[in-house]
């Protein structure tokens, strides 16, 4: 069984999203260990799941404000 993939993680830059192991970015277990796979929110912005046709319900549908976590609303960088 695969792990649930988070729609809007608080700190996506801390984890590699390449497989369901979700390794810390500083300790990658897969591949050559030199790069991590980015979360779609880092690449396409907060509404990435809408572009992919994913319908969100339940706790993942809560309103997430990235500025509360030190992120700019326009970019997913600090």
N, C-alpha and C. Protein backbone atom coordinates (compact mmCIF):
# COMPACT_ATOMS: atom_id res chain seq x y z
N UNK A 1 0.85 -1.18 0.00
CA UNK A 1 0.00 0.00 0.00
C UNK A 1 0.89 1.24 0.00
N UNK A 2 0.56 2.19 -0.83
CA UNK A 2 1.33 3.42 -0.91
C UNK A 2 0.85 4.42 0.14
N UNK A 3 1.73 5.34 0.48
CA UNK A 3 1.38 6.38 1.44
C UNK A 3 0.51 7.43 0.76
N UNK A 4 -0.29 8.10 1.55
CA UNK A 4 -1.13 9.19 1.05
C UNK A 4 -0.22 10.34 0.61
N UNK A 5 -0.46 10.86 -0.58
CA UNK A 5 0.34 11.97 -1.11
C UNK A 5 -0.29 13.28 -0.67
N UNK A 6 0.44 14.11 0.10
CA UNK A 6 -0.13 15.36 0.59
C UNK A 6 -0.35 16.39 -0.51
N UNK A 7 -1.49 17.03 -0.48
CA UNK A 7 -1.84 18.05 -1.47
C UNK A 7 -1.06 19.34 -1.23
N UNK A 8 -1.04 19.79 0.02
CA UNK A 8 -0.37 21.05 0.37
C UNK A 8 0.50 20.86 1.60
N UNK A 9 1.68 20.24 1.45
CA UNK A 9 2.54 20.06 2.62
C UNK A 9 3.10 21.40 3.11
N UNK A 10 3.32 21.50 4.40
CA UNK A 10 3.80 22.76 4.98
C UNK A 10 5.21 23.11 4.53
N UNK A 11 6.10 22.14 4.44
CA UNK A 11 7.49 22.39 4.06
C UNK A 11 7.93 21.38 3.00
N UNK A 12 7.47 21.51 1.77
CA UNK A 12 7.77 20.51 0.75
C UNK A 12 9.25 20.41 0.41
N UNK A 13 10.02 21.46 0.66
CA UNK A 13 11.43 21.45 0.31
C UNK A 13 12.26 20.55 1.21
N UNK A 14 11.69 20.09 2.29
CA UNK A 14 12.43 19.25 3.24
C UNK A 14 12.41 17.77 2.88
N UNK A 15 11.61 17.38 1.89
CA UNK A 15 11.40 15.97 1.58
C UNK A 15 11.58 15.72 0.10
N UNK A 16 12.09 14.53 -0.23
CA UNK A 16 12.13 14.08 -1.63
C UNK A 16 10.81 13.38 -1.92
N UNK A 17 10.17 13.74 -3.01
CA UNK A 17 8.86 13.21 -3.36
C UNK A 17 8.93 12.17 -4.47
N UNK A 18 10.11 11.63 -4.75
CA UNK A 18 10.31 10.72 -5.87
C UNK A 18 9.69 9.35 -5.70
N UNK A 19 9.49 8.88 -4.48
CA UNK A 19 8.85 7.58 -4.23
C UNK A 19 8.06 7.69 -2.93
N UNK A 20 7.51 6.59 -2.47
CA UNK A 20 6.70 6.67 -1.26
C UNK A 20 7.51 6.52 0.04
N UNK A 21 8.85 6.62 -0.06
CA UNK A 21 9.67 6.60 1.16
C UNK A 21 9.74 7.99 1.79
N UNK A 22 9.55 9.05 0.99
CA UNK A 22 9.57 10.44 1.47
C UNK A 22 10.81 10.72 2.33
N UNK A 23 11.98 10.49 1.77
CA UNK A 23 13.25 10.68 2.49
C UNK A 23 13.48 12.17 2.79
N UNK A 24 14.17 12.45 3.90
CA UNK A 24 14.59 13.83 4.14
C UNK A 24 15.51 14.30 3.02
N UNK A 25 15.44 15.54 2.66
CA UNK A 25 16.23 16.07 1.54
C UNK A 25 17.73 15.90 1.76
N UNK A 26 18.18 15.85 3.00
CA UNK A 26 19.61 15.72 3.28
C UNK A 26 20.08 14.26 3.38
N UNK A 27 19.15 13.29 3.25
CA UNK A 27 19.51 11.88 3.39
C UNK A 27 18.71 11.03 2.40
N UNK A 28 19.00 11.15 1.12
CA UNK A 28 18.24 10.46 0.08
C UNK A 28 18.66 9.00 -0.02
N UNK A 29 17.68 8.08 -0.09
CA UNK A 29 17.96 6.65 -0.15
C UNK A 29 17.94 6.11 -1.58
N UNK A 30 17.27 6.76 -2.48
CA UNK A 30 17.13 6.28 -3.86
C UNK A 30 18.01 7.07 -4.82
N UNK A 31 18.21 6.53 -6.00
CA UNK A 31 18.97 7.23 -7.03
C UNK A 31 20.42 7.42 -6.62
N UNK A 32 21.04 8.44 -7.17
CA UNK A 32 22.44 8.68 -6.85
C UNK A 32 22.62 9.59 -5.64
N UNK A 33 21.52 10.04 -5.06
CA UNK A 33 21.60 10.84 -3.84
C UNK A 33 21.97 12.29 -4.05
N UNK A 34 22.06 12.75 -5.29
CA UNK A 34 22.50 14.12 -5.52
C UNK A 34 21.36 15.12 -5.61
N UNK A 35 20.17 14.69 -5.99
CA UNK A 35 19.04 15.61 -6.12
C UNK A 35 17.78 14.98 -5.57
N UNK A 36 16.87 15.82 -5.15
CA UNK A 36 15.57 15.33 -4.69
C UNK A 36 14.50 15.68 -5.70
N UNK A 37 13.45 14.92 -5.74
CA UNK A 37 12.30 15.20 -6.60
C UNK A 37 11.43 16.22 -5.90
N UNK A 38 11.07 17.29 -6.61
CA UNK A 38 10.26 18.35 -6.01
C UNK A 38 8.79 17.96 -5.97
N UNK A 39 8.09 18.52 -5.00
CA UNK A 39 6.64 18.34 -4.89
C UNK A 39 6.00 19.22 -5.96
N UNK A 40 4.87 18.81 -6.53
CA UNK A 40 4.21 19.64 -7.56
C UNK A 40 3.87 21.05 -7.11
N UNK A 41 3.64 21.27 -5.82
CA UNK A 41 3.34 22.63 -5.34
C UNK A 41 4.55 23.55 -5.55
N UNK A 42 5.76 22.99 -5.54
CA UNK A 42 6.96 23.78 -5.76
C UNK A 42 7.12 24.14 -7.23
N UNK A 43 6.60 23.31 -8.10
CA UNK A 43 6.75 23.51 -9.54
C UNK A 43 5.61 24.31 -10.17
N UNK A 44 4.38 24.03 -9.72
CA UNK A 44 3.21 24.63 -10.38
C UNK A 44 2.40 25.55 -9.49
N UNK A 45 2.76 25.70 -8.23
CA UNK A 45 2.03 26.59 -7.34
C UNK A 45 0.95 25.87 -6.54
N UNK A 46 0.23 26.64 -5.75
CA UNK A 46 -0.75 26.10 -4.80
C UNK A 46 -1.90 25.34 -5.45
N UNK A 47 -2.26 25.68 -6.66
CA UNK A 47 -3.40 25.04 -7.32
C UNK A 47 -2.97 23.91 -8.26
N UNK A 48 -1.82 23.30 -8.02
CA UNK A 48 -1.30 22.26 -8.90
C UNK A 48 -2.29 21.11 -9.07
N UNK A 49 -2.98 20.74 -8.01
CA UNK A 49 -3.89 19.60 -8.06
C UNK A 49 -5.09 19.85 -8.97
N UNK A 50 -5.49 21.12 -9.11
CA UNK A 50 -6.59 21.45 -10.02
C UNK A 50 -6.16 21.24 -11.47
N UNK A 51 -4.90 21.62 -11.78
CA UNK A 51 -4.37 21.41 -13.12
C UNK A 51 -4.29 19.93 -13.47
N UNK A 52 -4.07 19.09 -12.47
CA UNK A 52 -3.95 17.65 -12.67
C UNK A 52 -5.31 16.96 -12.63
N UNK A 53 -6.38 17.72 -12.34
CA UNK A 53 -7.72 17.15 -12.31
C UNK A 53 -8.04 16.38 -11.05
N UNK A 54 -7.37 16.71 -9.94
CA UNK A 54 -7.59 16.02 -8.67
C UNK A 54 -8.63 16.80 -7.88
N UNK A 55 -9.64 16.09 -7.38
CA UNK A 55 -10.67 16.71 -6.56
C UNK A 55 -10.32 16.48 -5.10
N UNK A 56 -10.23 17.54 -4.32
CA UNK A 56 -9.80 17.45 -2.93
C UNK A 56 -11.00 17.54 -2.01
N UNK A 57 -11.08 16.60 -1.06
CA UNK A 57 -12.13 16.61 -0.05
C UNK A 57 -11.51 16.30 1.30
N UNK A 58 -12.25 16.50 2.36
CA UNK A 58 -11.78 16.17 3.69
C UNK A 58 -10.76 17.17 4.22
N UNK A 59 -9.85 16.68 5.10
CA UNK A 59 -8.90 17.60 5.74
C UNK A 59 -7.95 18.28 4.77
N UNK A 60 -7.67 17.65 3.60
CA UNK A 60 -6.77 18.27 2.63
C UNK A 60 -7.41 19.48 1.96
N UNK A 61 -8.71 19.65 2.06
CA UNK A 61 -9.39 20.76 1.41
C UNK A 61 -9.33 22.05 2.23
N UNK A 62 -8.71 21.99 3.41
CA UNK A 62 -8.65 23.19 4.25
C UNK A 62 -7.89 24.31 3.54
N UNK A 63 -8.18 25.52 3.92
CA UNK A 63 -7.53 26.67 3.32
C UNK A 63 -6.10 26.77 3.85
N UNK A 64 -5.13 26.64 2.99
CA UNK A 64 -3.73 26.68 3.36
C UNK A 64 -3.15 28.01 2.94
N UNK A 65 -2.60 28.74 3.89
CA UNK A 65 -1.97 30.03 3.61
C UNK A 65 -0.46 29.87 3.72
N UNK A 66 0.26 29.83 2.58
CA UNK A 66 1.70 29.63 2.64
C UNK A 66 2.44 30.74 3.36
N UNK A 67 1.87 31.93 3.43
CA UNK A 67 2.56 33.02 4.12
C UNK A 67 2.68 32.74 5.62
N UNK A 68 1.81 31.88 6.15
CA UNK A 68 1.90 31.50 7.55
C UNK A 68 3.13 30.64 7.82
N UNK A 69 3.70 30.08 6.75
CA UNK A 69 4.85 29.20 6.89
C UNK A 69 6.11 29.83 6.31
N UNK A 70 6.09 31.14 6.09
CA UNK A 70 7.27 31.83 5.62
C UNK A 70 7.43 31.85 4.11
N UNK A 71 6.40 31.49 3.37
CA UNK A 71 6.47 31.47 1.91
C UNK A 71 5.76 32.68 1.32
N UNK A 72 6.21 33.09 0.17
CA UNK A 72 5.54 34.13 -0.58
C UNK A 72 4.31 33.52 -1.23
N UNK A 73 3.25 34.28 -1.39
CA UNK A 73 2.06 33.75 -2.06
C UNK A 73 2.29 33.57 -3.56
N UNK A 74 3.22 34.30 -4.15
CA UNK A 74 3.49 34.20 -5.58
C UNK A 74 4.47 33.10 -5.92
N UNK A 75 5.42 32.86 -5.04
CA UNK A 75 6.44 31.85 -5.27
C UNK A 75 6.54 30.96 -4.04
N UNK A 76 6.95 29.75 -4.24
CA UNK A 76 7.11 28.83 -3.12
C UNK A 76 8.53 28.84 -2.61
N UNK A 77 9.05 30.03 -2.44
CA UNK A 77 10.38 30.19 -1.87
C UNK A 77 10.30 31.12 -0.67
N UNK A 78 11.28 31.05 0.17
CA UNK A 78 11.31 31.91 1.35
C UNK A 78 11.94 33.22 1.04
